[in-house]
Each structure stands twice: as structure tokens, then as C-alpha cells.
Amino acid sequence: MDDTLGKLREEIDEIDNALVDLFGRRQETVLKIGKYKKDNNIPVVASNREQEVIDRLKARTDDRFKDDIDDLYKTIFDLSKRLQNKEK
């Protein structure tokens, strides 16, 4: 295998490992938010908050990837809501 490709794949592996760690950390925080919402009778879904997050992240993203932020975070939000609902 080409040494350059191997090094790039190692870089992707490092990034993927960091993403998994950060996703786990995010989901743990989601559980805390879900508990708070449950304890305070607040609905799980906060569409306005979701859009605020997407807008904020798109503003700091390279133009080539802005559409991907929508898809990525809609999936993340769906997973977060599913986790919060599962913990009820």
C-alpha cells in the first residue's frame, strides 16, 4: 500500500476514534438533559434549539460542507431524542 495512503488512513482512524469518544461524551450529556427535562416536565423535542445549533455550526463550517452539517446533526439529534425517550 502506498505510504501516503496508509498515513492518511491512520489520520482518519485517529479522527474516528476522537469522534466516537466525543459522541459518547455528548450522549452522556444528553442523558443528563433528558433527566432534567423529565424532572421538570419539559418536552424532549426542542426544534428551535436544534436549528440554533445547526445554524451556529454551519457558520463555522467550510462552505463545501455546510449541507453535510444539516444531515449530520439531524441524525445526531434523532439519536439523542431516541436515547432520551428510551430512558423514560
PDB file of N, CA and C in Angstrom:
ATOM      1  N   MET A   1       0.853  -1.180   0.000  1.00  0.00           N
ATOM      2  CA  MET A   1       0.000   0.000   0.000  1.00  0.00           C
ATOM      3  C   MET A   1       0.897   1.240   0.000  1.00  0.00           C
ATOM      4  N   ASP A   2       0.484   2.219  -0.731  1.00  0.00           N
ATOM      5  CA  ASP A   2       1.196   3.491  -0.803  1.00  0.00           C
ATOM      6  C   ASP A   2       1.314   4.081   0.599  1.00  0.00           C
ATOM      7  N   ASP A   3       2.532   4.537   0.936  1.00  0.00           N
ATOM      8  CA  ASP A   3       2.786   5.087   2.274  1.00  0.00           C
ATOM      9  C   ASP A   3       1.908   6.299   2.575  1.00  0.00           C
ATOM     10  N   THR A   4       1.676   7.124   1.572  1.00  0.00           N
ATOM     11  CA  THR A   4       0.833   8.308   1.764  1.00  0.00           C
ATOM     12  C   THR A   4      -0.591   7.904   2.117  1.00  0.00           C
ATOM     13  N   LEU A   5      -1.128   6.945   1.386  1.00  0.00           N
ATOM     14  CA  LEU A   5      -2.489   6.478   1.661  1.00  0.00           C
ATOM     15  C   LEU A   5      -2.567   5.854   3.049  1.00  0.00           C
ATOM     16  N   GLY A   6      -1.571   5.084   3.415  1.00  0.00           N
ATOM     17  CA  GLY A   6      -1.549   4.473   4.745  1.00  0.00           C
ATOM     18  C   GLY A   6      -1.557   5.522   5.846  1.00  0.00           C
ATOM     19  N   LYS A   7      -0.768   6.568   5.668  1.00  0.00           N
ATOM     20  CA  LYS A   7      -0.724   7.642   6.676  1.00  0.00           C
ATOM     21  C   LYS A   7      -2.053   8.395   6.742  1.00  0.00           C
ATOM     22  N   LEU A   8      -2.655   8.618   5.591  1.00  0.00           N
ATOM     23  CA  LEU A   8      -3.952   9.289   5.586  1.00  0.00           C
ATOM     24  C   LEU A   8      -5.012   8.428   6.266  1.00  0.00           C
ATOM     25  N   ARG A   9      -4.943   7.123   6.058  1.00  0.00           N
ATOM     26  CA  ARG A   9      -5.895   6.222   6.720  1.00  0.00           C
ATOM     27  C   ARG A   9      -5.662   6.199   8.230  1.00  0.00           C
ATOM     28  N   GLU A  10      -4.430   6.270   8.638  1.00  0.00           N
ATOM     29  CA  GLU A  10      -4.137   6.358  10.079  1.00  0.00           C
ATOM     30  C   GLU A  10      -4.723   7.643  10.659  1.00  0.00           C
ATOM     31  N   GLU A  11      -4.615   8.732   9.910  1.00  0.00           N
ATOM     32  CA  GLU A  11      -5.182  10.007  10.363  1.00  0.00           C
ATOM     33  C   GLU A  11      -6.703   9.897  10.492  1.00  0.00           C
ATOM     34  N   ILE A  12      -7.345   9.264   9.503  1.00  0.00           N
ATOM     35  CA  ILE A  12      -8.803   9.054   9.570  1.00  0.00           C
ATOM     36  C   ILE A  12      -9.152   8.202  10.792  1.00  0.00           C
ATOM     37  N   ASP A  13      -8.374   7.154  11.047  1.00  0.00           N
ATOM     38  CA  ASP A  13      -8.634   6.297  12.214  1.00  0.00           C
ATOM     39  C   ASP A  13      -8.544   7.095  13.507  1.00  0.00           C
ATOM     40  N   GLU A  14      -7.555   7.966  13.622  1.00  0.00           N
ATOM     41  CA  GLU A  14      -7.410   8.812  14.820  1.00  0.00           C
ATOM     42  C   GLU A  14      -8.612   9.746  14.964  1.00  0.00           C
ATOM     43  N   ILE A  15      -9.024  10.333  13.855  1.00  0.00           N
ATOM     44  CA  ILE A  15     -10.180  11.232  13.883  1.00  0.00           C
ATOM     45  C   ILE A  15     -11.435  10.461  14.271  1.00  0.00           C
ATOM     46  N   ASP A  16     -11.630   9.277  13.684  1.00  0.00           N
ATOM     47  CA  ASP A  16     -12.799   8.456  14.017  1.00  0.00           C
ATOM     48  C   ASP A  16     -12.811   8.081  15.495  1.00  0.00           C
ATOM     49  N   ASN A  17     -11.654   7.735  16.035  1.00  0.00           N
ATOM     50  CA  ASN A  17     -11.578   7.408  17.465  1.00  0.00           C
ATOM     51  C   ASN A  17     -11.979   8.606  18.316  1.00  0.00           C
ATOM     52  N   ALA A  18     -11.505   9.793  17.943  1.00  0.00           N
ATOM     53  CA  ALA A  18     -11.859  11.003  18.685  1.00  0.00           C
ATOM     54  C   ALA A  18     -13.355  11.291  18.560  1.00  0.00           C
ATOM     55  N   LEU A  19     -13.909  11.085  17.364  1.00  0.00           N
ATOM     56  CA  LEU A  19     -15.342  11.308  17.177  1.00  0.00           C
ATOM     57  C   LEU A  19     -16.184  10.378  18.048  1.00  0.00           C
ATOM     58  N   VAL A  20     -15.775   9.115  18.125  1.00  0.00           N
ATOM     59  CA  VAL A  20     -16.517   8.155  18.952  1.00  0.00           C
ATOM     60  C   VAL A  20     -16.455   8.571  20.419  1.00  0.00           C
ATOM     61  N   ASP A  21     -15.277   8.988  20.868  1.00  0.00           N
ATOM     62  CA  ASP A  21     -15.142   9.451  22.252  1.00  0.00           C
ATOM     63  C   ASP A  21     -16.020  10.673  22.510  1.00  0.00           C
ATOM     64  N   LEU A  22     -15.997  11.626  21.601  1.00  0.00           N
ATOM     65  CA  LEU A  22     -16.800  12.837  21.766  1.00  0.00           C
ATOM     66  C   LEU A  22     -18.293  12.533  21.664  1.00  0.00           C
ATOM     67  N   PHE A  23     -18.675  11.612  20.788  1.00  0.00           N
ATOM     68  CA  PHE A  23     -20.080  11.238  20.683  1.00  0.00           C
ATOM     69  C   PHE A  23     -20.566  10.607  21.985  1.00  0.00           C
ATOM     70  N   GLY A  24     -19.748   9.739  22.573  1.00  0.00           N
ATOM     71  CA  GLY A  24     -20.106   9.143  23.856  1.00  0.00           C
ATOM     72  C   GLY A  24     -20.284  10.199  24.933  1.00  0.00           C
ATOM     73  N   ARG A  25     -19.379  11.147  24.951  1.00  0.00           N
ATOM     74  CA  ARG A  25     -19.468  12.256  25.921  1.00  0.00           C
ATOM     75  C   ARG A  25     -20.739  13.069  25.684  1.00  0.00           C
ATOM     76  N   ARG A  26     -21.043  13.308  24.405  1.00  0.00           N
ATOM     77  CA  ARG A  26     -22.264  14.065  24.068  1.00  0.00           C
ATOM     78  C   ARG A  26     -23.504  13.303  24.520  1.00  0.00           C
ATOM     79  N   GLN A  27     -23.543  12.010  24.271  1.00  0.00           N
ATOM     80  CA  GLN A  27     -24.710  11.213  24.642  1.00  0.00           C
ATOM     81  C   GLN A  27     -24.880  11.144  26.168  1.00  0.00           C
ATOM     82  N   GLU A  28     -23.779  11.087  26.897  1.00  0.00           N
ATOM     83  CA  GLU A  28     -23.882  11.133  28.363  1.00  0.00           C
ATOM     84  C   GLU A  28     -24.519  12.445  28.816  1.00  0.00           C
ATOM     85  N   THR A  29     -24.158  13.538  28.168  1.00  0.00           N
ATOM     86  CA  THR A  29     -24.757  14.834  28.493  1.00  0.00           C
ATOM     87  C   THR A  29     -26.214  14.871  28.075  1.00  0.00           C
ATOM     88  N   VAL A  30     -26.535  14.242  26.960  1.00  0.00           N
ATOM     89  CA  VAL A  30     -27.926  14.130  26.508  1.00  0.00           C
ATOM     90  C   VAL A  30     -28.765  13.434  27.572  1.00  0.00           C
ATOM     91  N   LEU A  31     -28.222  12.383  28.169  1.00  0.00           N
ATOM     92  CA  LEU A  31     -28.952  11.681  29.229  1.00  0.00           C
ATOM     93  C   LEU A  31     -29.233  12.610  30.407  1.00  0.00           C
ATOM     94  N   LYS A  32     -28.273  13.433  30.761  1.00  0.00           N
ATOM     95  CA  LYS A  32     -28.470  14.396  31.865  1.00  0.00           C
ATOM     96  C   LYS A  32     -29.547  15.414  31.497  1.00  0.00           C
ATOM     97  N   ILE A  33     -29.514  15.875  30.255  1.00  0.00           N
ATOM     98  CA  ILE A  33     -30.534  16.816  29.800  1.00  0.00           C
ATOM     99  C   ILE A  33     -31.905  16.149  29.815  1.00  0.00           C
ATOM    100  N   GLY A  34     -31.965  14.906  29.348  1.00  0.00           N
ATOM    101  CA  GLY A  34     -33.227  14.170  29.354  1.00  0.00           C
ATOM    102  C   GLY A  34     -33.793  14.030  30.751  1.00  0.00           C
ATOM    103  N   LYS A  35     -32.939  13.734  31.724  1.00  0.00           N
ATOM    104  CA  LYS A  35     -33.390  13.616  33.114  1.00  0.00           C
ATOM    105  C   LYS A  35     -33.920  14.956  33.618  1.00  0.00           C
ATOM    106  N   TYR A  36     -33.194  16.027  33.320  1.00  0.00           N
ATOM    107  CA  TYR A  36     -33.633  17.353  33.735  1.00  0.00           C
ATOM    108  C   TYR A  36     -35.002  17.674  33.125  1.00  0.00           C
ATOM    109  N   LYS A  37     -35.141  17.404  31.817  1.00  0.00           N
ATOM    110  CA  LYS A  37     -36.417  17.681  31.153  1.00  0.00           C
ATOM    111  C   LYS A  37     -37.542  16.861  31.771  1.00  0.00           C
ATOM    112  N   LYS A  38     -37.282  15.586  32.043  1.00  0.00           N
ATOM    113  CA  LYS A  38     -38.297  14.731  32.649  1.00  0.00           C
ATOM    114  C   LYS A  38     -38.682  15.253  34.032  1.00  0.00           C
ATOM    115  N   ASP A  39     -37.683  15.584  34.843  1.00  0.00           N
ATOM    116  CA  ASP A  39     -37.940  16.068  36.204  1.00  0.00           C
ATOM    117  C   ASP A  39     -38.694  17.392  36.225  1.00  0.00           C
ATOM    118  N   ASN A  40     -38.566  18.163  35.134  1.00  0.00           N
ATOM    119  CA  ASN A  40     -39.191  19.483  35.084  1.00  0.00           C
ATOM    120  C   ASN A  40     -40.318  19.570  34.058  1.00  0.00           C
ATOM    121  N   ASN A  41     -40.812  18.400  33.627  1.00  0.00           N
ATOM    122  CA  ASN A  41     -41.930  18.325  32.679  1.00  0.00           C
ATOM    123  C   ASN A  41     -41.708  19.183  31.429  1.00  0.00           C
ATOM    124  N   ILE A  42     -40.515  19.078  30.863  1.00  0.00           N
ATOM    125  CA  ILE A  42     -40.166  19.800  29.640  1.00  0.00           C
ATOM    126  C   ILE A  42     -40.153  18.775  28.500  1.00  0.00           C
ATOM    127  N   PRO A  43     -40.762  19.089  27.350  1.00  0.00           N
ATOM    128  CA  PRO A  43     -40.752  18.137  26.236  1.00  0.00           C
ATOM    129  C   PRO A  43     -39.328  17.841  25.750  1.00  0.00           C
ATOM    130  N   VAL A  44     -39.121  16.629  25.264  1.00  0.00           N
ATOM    131  CA  VAL A  44     -37.814  16.225  24.752  1.00  0.00           C
ATOM    132  C   VAL A  44     -37.433  17.042  23.524  1.00  0.00           C
ATOM    133  N   VAL A  45     -38.380  17.251  22.629  1.00  0.00           N
ATOM    134  CA  VAL A  45     -38.088  17.931  21.366  1.00  0.00           C
ATOM    135  C   VAL A  45     -38.030  19.443  21.572  1.00  0.00           C
ATOM    136  N   ALA A  46     -36.953  20.038  21.057  1.00  0.00           N
ATOM    137  CA  ALA A  46     -36.787  21.494  21.082  1.00  0.00           C
ATOM    138  C   ALA A  46     -36.292  21.916  19.703  1.00  0.00           C
ATOM    139  N   SER A  47     -37.208  21.964  18.745  1.00  0.00           N
ATOM    140  CA  SER A  47     -36.843  22.234  17.353  1.00  0.00           C
ATOM    141  C   SER A  47     -36.097  23.552  17.180  1.00  0.00           C
ATOM    142  N   ASN A  48     -36.503  24.568  17.932  1.00  0.00           N
ATOM    143  CA  ASN A  48     -35.822  25.861  17.813  1.00  0.00           C
ATOM    144  C   ASN A  48     -34.365  25.746  18.267  1.00  0.00           C
ATOM    145  N   ARG A  49     -34.107  24.989  19.315  1.00  0.00           N
ATOM    146  CA  ARG A  49     -32.745  24.779  19.795  1.00  0.00           C
ATOM    147  C   ARG A  49     -31.932  24.010  18.755  1.00  0.00           C
ATOM    148  N   GLU A  50     -32.545  23.006  18.154  1.00  0.00           N
ATOM    149  CA  GLU A  50     -31.850  22.227  17.133  1.00  0.00           C
ATOM    150  C   GLU A  50     -31.420  23.119  15.977  1.00  0.00           C
ATOM    151  N   GLN A  51     -32.316  23.975  15.518  1.00  0.00           N
ATOM    152  CA  GLN A  51     -31.978  24.861  14.397  1.00  0.00           C
ATOM    153  C   GLN A  51     -30.894  25.855  14.789  1.00  0.00           C
ATOM    154  N   GLU A  52     -30.936  26.351  16.037  1.00  0.00           N
ATOM    155  CA  GLU A  52     -29.885  27.259  16.512  1.00  0.00           C
ATOM    156  C   GLU A  52     -28.521  26.584  16.456  1.00  0.00           C
ATOM    157  N   VAL A  53     -28.471  25.333  16.877  1.00  0.00           N
ATOM    158  CA  VAL A  53     -27.209  24.587  16.861  1.00  0.00           C
ATOM    159  C   VAL A  53     -26.724  24.412  15.428  1.00  0.00           C
ATOM    160  N   ILE A  54     -27.605  23.991  14.544  1.00  0.00           N
ATOM    161  CA  ILE A  54     -27.226  23.793  13.148  1.00  0.00           C
ATOM    162  C   ILE A  54     -26.730  25.098  12.534  1.00  0.00           C
ATOM    163  N   ASP A  55     -27.437  26.184  12.763  1.00  0.00           N
ATOM    164  CA  ASP A  55     -27.020  27.482  12.213  1.00  0.00           C
ATOM    165  C   ASP A  55     -25.654  27.899  12.748  1.00  0.00           C
ATOM    166  N   ARG A  56     -25.442  27.701  14.036  1.00  0.00           N
ATOM    167  CA  ARG A  56     -24.158  28.074  14.644  1.00  0.00           C
ATOM    168  C   ARG A  56     -23.017  27.256  14.041  1.00  0.00           C
ATOM    169  N   LEU A  57     -23.238  25.972  13.875  1.00  0.00           N
ATOM    170  CA  LEU A  57     -22.187  25.103  13.346  1.00  0.00           C
ATOM    171  C   LEU A  57     -21.941  25.345  11.863  1.00  0.00           C
ATOM    172  N   LYS A  58     -22.991  25.620  11.122  1.00  0.00           N
ATOM    173  CA  LYS A  58     -22.809  25.921   9.701  1.00  0.00           C
ATOM    174  C   LYS A  58     -22.023  27.212   9.510  1.00  0.00           C
ATOM    175  N   ALA A  59     -22.185  28.154  10.422  1.00  0.00           N
ATOM    176  CA  ALA A  59     -21.467  29.422  10.325  1.00  0.00           C
ATOM    177  C   ALA A  59     -19.961  29.244  10.488  1.00  0.00           C
ATOM    178  N   ARG A  60     -19.554  28.165  11.150  1.00  0.00           N
ATOM    179  CA  ARG A  60     -18.116  27.951  11.341  1.00  0.00           C
ATOM    180  C   ARG A  60     -17.580  26.817  10.475  1.00  0.00           C
ATOM    181  N   THR A  61     -18.370  26.394   9.486  1.00  0.00           N
ATOM    182  CA  THR A  61     -18.003  25.289   8.619  1.00  0.00           C
ATOM    183  C   THR A  61     -17.637  25.795   7.230  1.00  0.00           C
ATOM    184  N   ASP A  62     -16.659  25.155   6.635  1.00  0.00           N
ATOM    185  CA  ASP A  62     -16.275  25.430   5.255  1.00  0.00           C
ATOM    186  C   ASP A  62     -17.512  25.310   4.360  1.00  0.00           C
ATOM    187  N   ASP A  63     -17.666  26.229   3.431  1.00  0.00           N
ATOM    188  CA  ASP A  63     -18.847  26.232   2.552  1.00  0.00           C
ATOM    189  C   ASP A  63     -19.078  24.893   1.865  1.00  0.00           C
ATOM    190  N   ARG A  64     -18.014  24.161   1.567  1.00  0.00           N
ATOM    191  CA  ARG A  64     -18.158  22.868   0.882  1.00  0.00           C
ATOM    192  C   ARG A  64     -18.914  21.851   1.722  1.00  0.00           C
ATOM    193  N   PHE A  65     -18.960  22.049   3.053  1.00  0.00           N
ATOM    194  CA  PHE A  65     -19.527  21.044   3.953  1.00  0.00           C
ATOM    195  C   PHE A  65     -20.802  21.497   4.665  1.00  0.00           C
ATOM    196  N   LYS A  66     -21.296  22.680   4.356  1.00  0.00           N
ATOM    197  CA  LYS A  66     -22.461  23.220   5.074  1.00  0.00           C
ATOM    198  C   LYS A  66     -23.683  22.311   4.975  1.00  0.00           C
ATOM    199  N   ASP A  67     -23.969  21.783   3.781  1.00  0.00           N
ATOM    200  CA  ASP A  67     -25.128  20.903   3.630  1.00  0.00           C
ATOM    201  C   ASP A  67     -24.956  19.623   4.440  1.00  0.00           C
ATOM    202  N   ASP A  68     -23.726  19.178   4.574  1.00  0.00           N
ATOM    203  CA  ASP A  68     -23.455  17.970   5.352  1.00  0.00           C
ATOM    204  C   ASP A  68     -23.743  18.175   6.836  1.00  0.00           C
ATOM    205  N   ILE A  69     -23.575  19.400   7.313  1.00  0.00           N
ATOM    206  CA  ILE A  69     -23.862  19.700   8.727  1.00  0.00           C
ATOM    207  C   ILE A  69     -25.337  19.457   9.007  1.00  0.00           C
ATOM    208  N   ASP A  70     -26.209  19.866   8.085  1.00  0.00           N
ATOM    209  CA  ASP A  70     -27.641  19.595   8.257  1.00  0.00           C
ATOM    210  C   ASP A  70     -27.888  18.106   8.440  1.00  0.00           C
ATOM    211  N   ASP A  71     -27.361  17.310   7.532  1.00  0.00           N
ATOM    212  CA  ASP A  71     -27.587  15.860   7.583  1.00  0.00           C
ATOM    213  C   ASP A  71     -26.978  15.242   8.832  1.00  0.00           C
ATOM    214  N   LEU A  72     -25.753  15.623   9.138  1.00  0.00           N
ATOM    215  CA  LEU A  72     -25.059  15.060  10.297  1.00  0.00           C
ATOM    216  C   LEU A  72     -25.813  15.361  11.583  1.00  0.00           C
ATOM    217  N   TYR A  73     -26.181  16.616  11.777  1.00  0.00           N
ATOM    218  CA  TYR A  73     -26.802  16.976  13.057  1.00  0.00           C
ATOM    219  C   TYR A  73     -28.263  16.553  13.152  1.00  0.00           C
ATOM    220  N   LYS A  74     -28.941  16.434  12.052  1.00  0.00           N
ATOM    221  CA  LYS A  74     -30.299  15.875  12.134  1.00  0.00           C
ATOM    222  C   LYS A  74     -30.224  14.423  12.595  1.00  0.00           C
ATOM    223  N   THR A  75     -29.218  13.698  12.123  1.00  0.00           N
ATOM    224  CA  THR A  75     -29.019  12.323  12.585  1.00  0.00           C
ATOM    225  C   THR A  75     -28.625  12.296  14.055  1.00  0.00           C
ATOM    226  N   ILE A  76     -27.708  13.151  14.444  1.00  0.00           N
ATOM    227  CA  ILE A  76     -27.297  13.211  15.848  1.00  0.00           C
ATOM    228  C   ILE A  76     -28.481  13.565  16.743  1.00  0.00           C
ATOM    229  N   PHE A  77     -29.287  14.533  16.327  1.00  0.00           N
ATOM    230  CA  PHE A  77     -30.450  14.910  17.132  1.00  0.00           C
ATOM    231  C   PHE A  77     -31.448  13.757  17.224  1.00  0.00           C
ATOM    232  N   ASP A  78     -31.647  13.038  16.131  1.00  0.00           N
ATOM    233  CA  ASP A  78     -32.551  11.884  16.170  1.00  0.00           C
ATOM    234  C   ASP A  78     -32.049  10.836  17.156  1.00  0.00           C
ATOM    235  N   LEU A  79     -30.753  10.572  17.139  1.00  0.00           N
ATOM    236  CA  LEU A  79     -30.174   9.604  18.081  1.00  0.00           C
ATOM    237  C   LEU A  79     -30.308  10.100  19.519  1.00  0.00           C
ATOM    238  N   SER A  80     -30.128  11.380  19.723  1.00  0.00           N
ATOM    239  CA  SER A  80     -30.244  11.956  21.065  1.00  0.00           C
ATOM    240  C   SER A  80     -31.669  11.860  21.590  1.00  0.00           C
ATOM    241  N   LYS A  81     -32.639  12.177  20.734  1.00  0.00           N
ATOM    242  CA  LYS A  81     -34.045  12.088  21.157  1.00  0.00           C
ATOM    243  C   LYS A  81     -34.425  10.642  21.439  1.00  0.00           C
ATOM    244  N   ARG A  82     -33.945   9.729  20.609  1.00  0.00           N
ATOM    245  CA  ARG A  82     -34.227   8.315  20.837  1.00  0.00           C
ATOM    246  C   ARG A  82     -33.662   7.867  22.181  1.00  0.00           C
ATOM    247  N   LEU A  83     -32.455   8.286  22.493  1.00  0.00           N
ATOM    248  CA  LEU A  83     -31.843   7.939  23.770  1.00  0.00           C
ATOM    249  C   LEU A  83     -32.634   8.537  24.931  1.00  0.00           C
ATOM    250  N   GLN A  84     -33.023   9.794  24.818  1.00  0.00           N
ATOM    251  CA  GLN A  84     -33.794  10.423  25.890  1.00  0.00           C
ATOM    252  C   GLN A  84     -35.128   9.726  26.084  1.00  0.00           C
ATOM    253  N   ASN A  85     -35.786   9.361  24.999  1.00  0.00           N
ATOM    254  CA  ASN A  85     -37.073   8.680  25.104  1.00  0.00           C
ATOM    255  C   ASN A  85     -36.922   7.283  25.672  1.00  0.00           C
ATOM    256  N   LYS A  86     -35.830   6.631  25.374  1.00  0.00           N
ATOM    257  CA  LYS A  86     -35.571   5.275  25.883  1.00  0.00           C
ATOM    258  C   LYS A  86     -35.367   5.297  27.386  1.00  0.00           C
ATOM    259  N   GLU A  87     -34.841   6.372  27.901  1.00  0.00           N
ATOM    260  CA  GLU A  87     -34.521   6.480  29.325  1.00  0.00           C
ATOM    261  C   GLU A  87     -35.720   6.880  30.171  1.00  0.00           C
ATOM    262  N   LYS A  88     -36.875   7.075  29.580  1.00  0.00           N
ATOM    263  CA  LYS A  88     -38.064   7.498  30.356  1.00  0.00           C
ATOM    264  C   LYS A  88     -38.505   6.425  31.310  1.00  0.00           C
TER     265      LYS A  88
END
